[in-house]
Amino acid sequence: MEWRNITLRPATPEDEANVPVTLSVLNGNRAITLYQRVGFKVVDSADGAVKMKRSRKDRL
């Protein structure tokens, strides 16, 4: 059985309430690519950090 590229996760209250989720990551952090793969989009970049946001419609 192949398990690569399979995502299993419980629904969060934000998912159920259609509330956007935001986070900040330092510029150059490799996690930015991971967050983009799961639906986050860069909304701002300042002071050495990247602000990212994901809404319900952007989720996997």
PDB file of N, CA and C in Angstrom:
ATOM      1  N   MET A   1       0.847  -1.183   0.000  1.00  0.00           N
ATOM      2  CA  MET A   1       0.000   0.000   0.000  1.00  0.00           C
ATOM      3  C   MET A   1       0.889   1.242   0.000  1.00  0.00           C
ATOM      4  N   GLU A   2       0.560   2.209  -0.830  1.00  0.00           N
ATOM      5  CA  GLU A   2       1.330   3.449  -0.962  1.00  0.00           C
ATOM      6  C   GLU A   2       0.736   4.527  -0.076  1.00  0.00           C
ATOM      7  N   TRP A   3       1.577   5.155   0.775  1.00  0.00           N
ATOM      8  CA  TRP A   3       1.096   6.177   1.713  1.00  0.00           C
ATOM      9  C   TRP A   3       1.684   7.552   1.440  1.00  0.00           C
ATOM     10  N   ARG A   4       2.422   7.730   0.401  1.00  0.00           N
ATOM     11  CA  ARG A   4       2.997   9.049   0.113  1.00  0.00           C
ATOM     12  C   ARG A   4       1.923  10.011  -0.369  1.00  0.00           C
ATOM     13  N   ASN A   5       2.120  11.270  -0.010  1.00  0.00           N
ATOM     14  CA  ASN A   5       1.221  12.351  -0.438  1.00  0.00           C
ATOM     15  C   ASN A   5      -0.225  12.158   0.015  1.00  0.00           C
ATOM     16  N   ILE A   6      -0.407  11.463   1.111  1.00  0.00           N
ATOM     17  CA  ILE A   6      -1.736  11.284   1.697  1.00  0.00           C
ATOM     18  C   ILE A   6      -1.804  12.164   2.940  1.00  0.00           C
ATOM     19  N   THR A   7      -2.847  12.964   3.059  1.00  0.00           N
ATOM     20  CA  THR A   7      -3.006  13.832   4.221  1.00  0.00           C
ATOM     21  C   THR A   7      -4.258  13.434   4.978  1.00  0.00           C
ATOM     22  N   LEU A   8      -4.072  13.075   6.228  1.00  0.00           N
ATOM     23  CA  LEU A   8      -5.190  12.769   7.109  1.00  0.00           C
ATOM     24  C   LEU A   8      -5.124  13.743   8.263  1.00  0.00           C
ATOM     25  N   ARG A   9      -6.188  14.457   8.479  1.00  0.00           N
ATOM     26  CA  ARG A   9      -6.198  15.397   9.593  1.00  0.00           C
ATOM     27  C   ARG A   9      -7.625  15.610  10.049  1.00  0.00           C
ATOM     28  N   PRO A  10      -7.795  15.839  11.334  1.00  0.00           N
ATOM     29  CA  PRO A  10      -9.144  16.138  11.829  1.00  0.00           C
ATOM     30  C   PRO A  10      -9.545  17.557  11.451  1.00  0.00           C
ATOM     31  N   ALA A  11     -10.823  17.782  11.334  1.00  0.00           N
ATOM     32  CA  ALA A  11     -11.320  19.142  11.092  1.00  0.00           C
ATOM     33  C   ALA A  11     -11.068  19.976  12.339  1.00  0.00           C
ATOM     34  N   THR A  12     -10.701  21.218  12.136  1.00  0.00           N
ATOM     35  CA  THR A  12     -10.489  22.132  13.252  1.00  0.00           C
ATOM     36  C   THR A  12     -11.728  23.002  13.413  1.00  0.00           C
ATOM     37  N   PRO A  13     -11.905  23.626  14.562  1.00  0.00           N
ATOM     38  CA  PRO A  13     -13.047  24.542  14.722  1.00  0.00           C
ATOM     39  C   PRO A  13     -13.049  25.649  13.675  1.00  0.00           C
ATOM     40  N   GLU A  14     -11.850  26.105  13.265  1.00  0.00           N
ATOM     41  CA  GLU A  14     -11.768  27.138  12.232  1.00  0.00           C
ATOM     42  C   GLU A  14     -12.343  26.634  10.914  1.00  0.00           C
ATOM     43  N   ASP A  15     -12.073  25.360  10.588  1.00  0.00           N
ATOM     44  CA  ASP A  15     -12.616  24.784   9.362  1.00  0.00           C
ATOM     45  C   ASP A  15     -14.136  24.777   9.401  1.00  0.00           C
ATOM     46  N   GLU A  16     -14.682  24.387  10.520  1.00  0.00           N
ATOM     47  CA  GLU A  16     -16.130  24.289  10.652  1.00  0.00           C
ATOM     48  C   GLU A  16     -16.800  25.655  10.672  1.00  0.00           C
ATOM     49  N   ALA A  17     -16.139  26.648  11.225  1.00  0.00           N
ATOM     50  CA  ALA A  17     -16.730  27.981  11.365  1.00  0.00           C
ATOM     51  C   ALA A  17     -16.410  28.890  10.174  1.00  0.00           C
ATOM     52  N   ASN A  18     -15.671  28.381   9.205  1.00  0.00           N
ATOM     53  CA  ASN A  18     -15.267  29.161   8.037  1.00  0.00           C
ATOM     54  C   ASN A  18     -14.475  30.408   8.432  1.00  0.00           C
ATOM     55  N   VAL A  19     -13.622  30.263   9.433  1.00  0.00           N
ATOM     56  CA  VAL A  19     -12.782  31.355   9.927  1.00  0.00           C
ATOM     57  C   VAL A  19     -11.403  31.232   9.274  1.00  0.00           C
ATOM     58  N   PRO A  20     -10.877  32.310   8.701  1.00  0.00           N
ATOM     59  CA  PRO A  20      -9.540  32.220   8.115  1.00  0.00           C
ATOM     60  C   PRO A  20      -8.470  31.984   9.186  1.00  0.00           C
ATOM     61  N   VAL A  21      -7.419  31.296   8.797  1.00  0.00           N
ATOM     62  CA  VAL A  21      -6.296  31.014   9.689  1.00  0.00           C
ATOM     63  C   VAL A  21      -5.096  31.802   9.171  1.00  0.00           C
ATOM     64  N   THR A  22      -4.410  32.526  10.066  1.00  0.00           N
ATOM     65  CA  THR A  22      -3.221  33.277   9.672  1.00  0.00           C
ATOM     66  C   THR A  22      -2.021  32.815  10.491  1.00  0.00           C
ATOM     67  N   LEU A  23      -0.837  32.975   9.911  1.00  0.00           N
ATOM     68  CA  LEU A  23       0.396  32.649  10.618  1.00  0.00           C
ATOM     69  C   LEU A  23       1.517  33.515  10.072  1.00  0.00           C
ATOM     70  N   SER A  24       2.586  33.617  10.836  1.00  0.00           N
ATOM     71  CA  SER A  24       3.772  34.359  10.409  1.00  0.00           C
ATOM     72  C   SER A  24       4.980  33.442  10.476  1.00  0.00           C
ATOM     73  N   VAL A  25       5.856  33.572   9.480  1.00  0.00           N
ATOM     74  CA  VAL A  25       7.052  32.748   9.372  1.00  0.00           C
ATOM     75  C   VAL A  25       8.215  33.663   9.003  1.00  0.00           C
ATOM     76  N   LEU A  26       9.383  33.416   9.559  1.00  0.00           N
ATOM     77  CA  LEU A  26      10.559  34.207   9.198  1.00  0.00           C
ATOM     78  C   LEU A  26      10.916  33.990   7.732  1.00  0.00           C
ATOM     79  N   ASN A  27      11.317  35.072   7.058  1.00  0.00           N
ATOM     80  CA  ASN A  27      11.771  34.962   5.664  1.00  0.00           C
ATOM     81  C   ASN A  27      12.851  33.897   5.557  1.00  0.00           C
ATOM     82  N   GLY A  28      12.816  33.116   4.498  1.00  0.00           N
ATOM     83  CA  GLY A  28      13.827  32.092   4.276  1.00  0.00           C
ATOM     84  C   GLY A  28      13.530  30.767   4.943  1.00  0.00           C
ATOM     85  N   ASN A  29      12.513  30.699   5.781  1.00  0.00           N
ATOM     86  CA  ASN A  29      12.162  29.454   6.449  1.00  0.00           C
ATOM     87  C   ASN A  29      11.562  28.494   5.422  1.00  0.00           C
ATOM     88  N   ARG A  30      12.065  27.268   5.384  1.00  0.00           N
ATOM     89  CA  ARG A  30      11.578  26.284   4.416  1.00  0.00           C
ATOM     90  C   ARG A  30      10.130  25.883   4.667  1.00  0.00           C
ATOM     91  N   ALA A  31       9.604  26.189   5.827  1.00  0.00           N
ATOM     92  CA  ALA A  31       8.209  25.861   6.135  1.00  0.00           C
ATOM     93  C   ALA A  31       7.237  26.633   5.242  1.00  0.00           C
ATOM     94  N   ILE A  32       7.680  27.753   4.676  1.00  0.00           N
ATOM     95  CA  ILE A  32       6.813  28.538   3.794  1.00  0.00           C
ATOM     96  C   ILE A  32       6.307  27.663   2.650  1.00  0.00           C
ATOM     97  N   THR A  33       7.191  26.874   2.063  1.00  0.00           N
ATOM     98  CA  THR A  33       6.801  25.984   0.969  1.00  0.00           C
ATOM     99  C   THR A  33       5.770  24.964   1.436  1.00  0.00           C
ATOM    100  N   LEU A  34       5.964  24.414   2.606  1.00  0.00           N
ATOM    101  CA  LEU A  34       5.005  23.459   3.162  1.00  0.00           C
ATOM    102  C   LEU A  34       3.644  24.114   3.347  1.00  0.00           C
ATOM    103  N   TYR A  35       3.622  25.287   3.956  1.00  0.00           N
ATOM    104  CA  TYR A  35       2.355  25.980   4.177  1.00  0.00           C
ATOM    105  C   TYR A  35       1.657  26.306   2.862  1.00  0.00           C
ATOM    106  N   GLN A  36       2.410  26.662   1.838  1.00  0.00           N
ATOM    107  CA  GLN A  36       1.800  26.937   0.537  1.00  0.00           C
ATOM    108  C   GLN A  36       1.183  25.672  -0.051  1.00  0.00           C
ATOM    109  N   ARG A  37       1.825  24.537   0.162  1.00  0.00           N
ATOM    110  CA  ARG A  37       1.279  23.274  -0.347  1.00  0.00           C
ATOM    111  C   ARG A  37      -0.048  22.916   0.301  1.00  0.00           C
ATOM    112  N   VAL A  38      -0.256  23.345   1.540  1.00  0.00           N
ATOM    113  CA  VAL A  38      -1.516  23.016   2.218  1.00  0.00           C
ATOM    114  C   VAL A  38      -2.528  24.152   2.145  1.00  0.00           C
ATOM    115  N   GLY A  39      -2.280  25.118   1.250  1.00  0.00           N
ATOM    116  CA  GLY A  39      -3.298  26.109   0.957  1.00  0.00           C
ATOM    117  C   GLY A  39      -3.090  27.512   1.478  1.00  0.00           C
ATOM    118  N   PHE A  40      -2.003  27.758   2.218  1.00  0.00           N
ATOM    119  CA  PHE A  40      -1.753  29.114   2.705  1.00  0.00           C
ATOM    120  C   PHE A  40      -1.213  29.974   1.570  1.00  0.00           C
ATOM    121  N   LYS A  41      -1.563  31.256   1.589  1.00  0.00           N
ATOM    122  CA  LYS A  41      -1.080  32.215   0.605  1.00  0.00           C
ATOM    123  C   LYS A  41      -0.388  33.364   1.333  1.00  0.00           C
ATOM    124  N   VAL A  42       0.698  33.865   0.742  1.00  0.00           N
ATOM    125  CA  VAL A  42       1.409  35.010   1.314  1.00  0.00           C
ATOM    126  C   VAL A  42       0.539  36.249   1.131  1.00  0.00           C
ATOM    127  N   VAL A  43       0.279  36.964   2.239  1.00  0.00           N
ATOM    128  CA  VAL A  43      -0.534  38.180   2.171  1.00  0.00           C
ATOM    129  C   VAL A  43       0.271  39.432   2.505  1.00  0.00           C
ATOM    130  N   ASP A  44       1.451  39.256   3.114  1.00  0.00           N
ATOM    131  CA  ASP A  44       2.287  40.410   3.456  1.00  0.00           C
ATOM    132  C   ASP A  44       3.696  39.917   3.754  1.00  0.00           C
ATOM    133  N   SER A  45       4.664  40.779   3.535  1.00  0.00           N
ATOM    134  CA  SER A  45       6.049  40.468   3.859  1.00  0.00           C
ATOM    135  C   SER A  45       6.717  41.750   4.337  1.00  0.00           C
ATOM    136  N   ALA A  46       7.109  41.768   5.603  1.00  0.00           N
ATOM    137  CA  ALA A  46       7.742  42.957   6.179  1.00  0.00           C
ATOM    138  C   ALA A  46       8.523  42.568   7.428  1.00  0.00           C
ATOM    139  N   ASP A  47       9.537  43.358   7.737  1.00  0.00           N
ATOM    140  CA  ASP A  47      10.320  43.185   8.967  1.00  0.00           C
ATOM    141  C   ASP A  47      10.882  41.775   9.124  1.00  0.00           C
ATOM    142  N   GLY A  48      11.284  41.160   8.020  1.00  0.00           N
ATOM    143  CA  GLY A  48      11.910  39.847   8.100  1.00  0.00           C
ATOM    144  C   GLY A  48      10.954  38.692   8.284  1.00  0.00           C
ATOM    145  N   ALA A  49       9.655  38.936   8.125  1.00  0.00           N
ATOM    146  CA  ALA A  49       8.670  37.869   8.300  1.00  0.00           C
ATOM    147  C   ALA A  49       7.670  37.868   7.149  1.00  0.00           C
ATOM    148  N   VAL A  50       7.090  36.712   6.912  1.00  0.00           N
ATOM    149  CA  VAL A  50       6.059  36.538   5.900  1.00  0.00           C
ATOM    150  C   VAL A  50       4.760  36.218   6.623  1.00  0.00           C
ATOM    151  N   LYS A  51       3.706  36.958   6.318  1.00  0.00           N
ATOM    152  CA  LYS A  51       2.388  36.674   6.886  1.00  0.00           C
ATOM    153  C   LYS A  51       1.611  35.864   5.858  1.00  0.00           C
ATOM    154  N   MET A  52       1.025  34.754   6.306  1.00  0.00           N
ATOM    155  CA  MET A  52       0.293  33.861   5.415  1.00  0.00           C
ATOM    156  C   MET A  52      -1.124  33.663   5.934  1.00  0.00           C
ATOM    157  N   LYS A  53      -2.035  33.370   5.012  1.00  0.00           N
ATOM    158  CA  LYS A  53      -3.442  33.207   5.376  1.00  0.00           C
ATOM    159  C   LYS A  53      -4.045  32.064   4.569  1.00  0.00           C
ATOM    160  N   ARG A  54      -4.966  31.342   5.205  1.00  0.00           N
ATOM    161  CA  ARG A  54      -5.711  30.289   4.519  1.00  0.00           C
ATOM    162  C   ARG A  54      -7.164  30.381   4.943  1.00  0.00           C
ATOM    163  N   SER A  55      -8.046  30.394   3.975  1.00  0.00           N
ATOM    164  CA  SER A  55      -9.473  30.377   4.283  1.00  0.00           C
ATOM    165  C   SER A  55     -10.013  28.987   3.990  1.00  0.00           C
ATOM    166  N   ARG A  56     -11.224  28.733   4.388  1.00  0.00           N
ATOM    167  CA  ARG A  56     -11.815  27.410   4.195  1.00  0.00           C
ATOM    168  C   ARG A  56     -11.770  26.994   2.729  1.00  0.00           C
ATOM    169  N   LYS A  57     -12.047  27.922   1.827  1.00  0.00           N
ATOM    170  CA  LYS A  57     -12.064  27.568   0.407  1.00  0.00           C
ATOM    171  C   LYS A  57     -10.677  27.206  -0.116  1.00  0.00           C
ATOM    172  N   ASP A  58      -9.610  27.633   0.587  1.00  0.00           N
ATOM    173  CA  ASP A  58      -8.241  27.344   0.161  1.00  0.00           C
ATOM    174  C   ASP A  58      -7.710  26.026   0.711  1.00  0.00           C
ATOM    175  N   ARG A  59      -8.411  25.416   1.637  1.00  0.00           N
ATOM    176  CA  ARG A  59      -7.885  24.212   2.277  1.00  0.00           C
ATOM    177  C   ARG A  59      -7.916  23.027   1.332  1.00  0.00           C
ATOM    178  N   LEU A  60      -7.165  22.001   1.688  1.00  0.00           N
ATOM    179  CA  LEU A  60      -7.088  20.796   0.864  1.00  0.00           C
ATOM    180  C   LEU A  60      -8.397  20.069   0.821  1.00  0.00           C
TER     181      LEU A  60
END
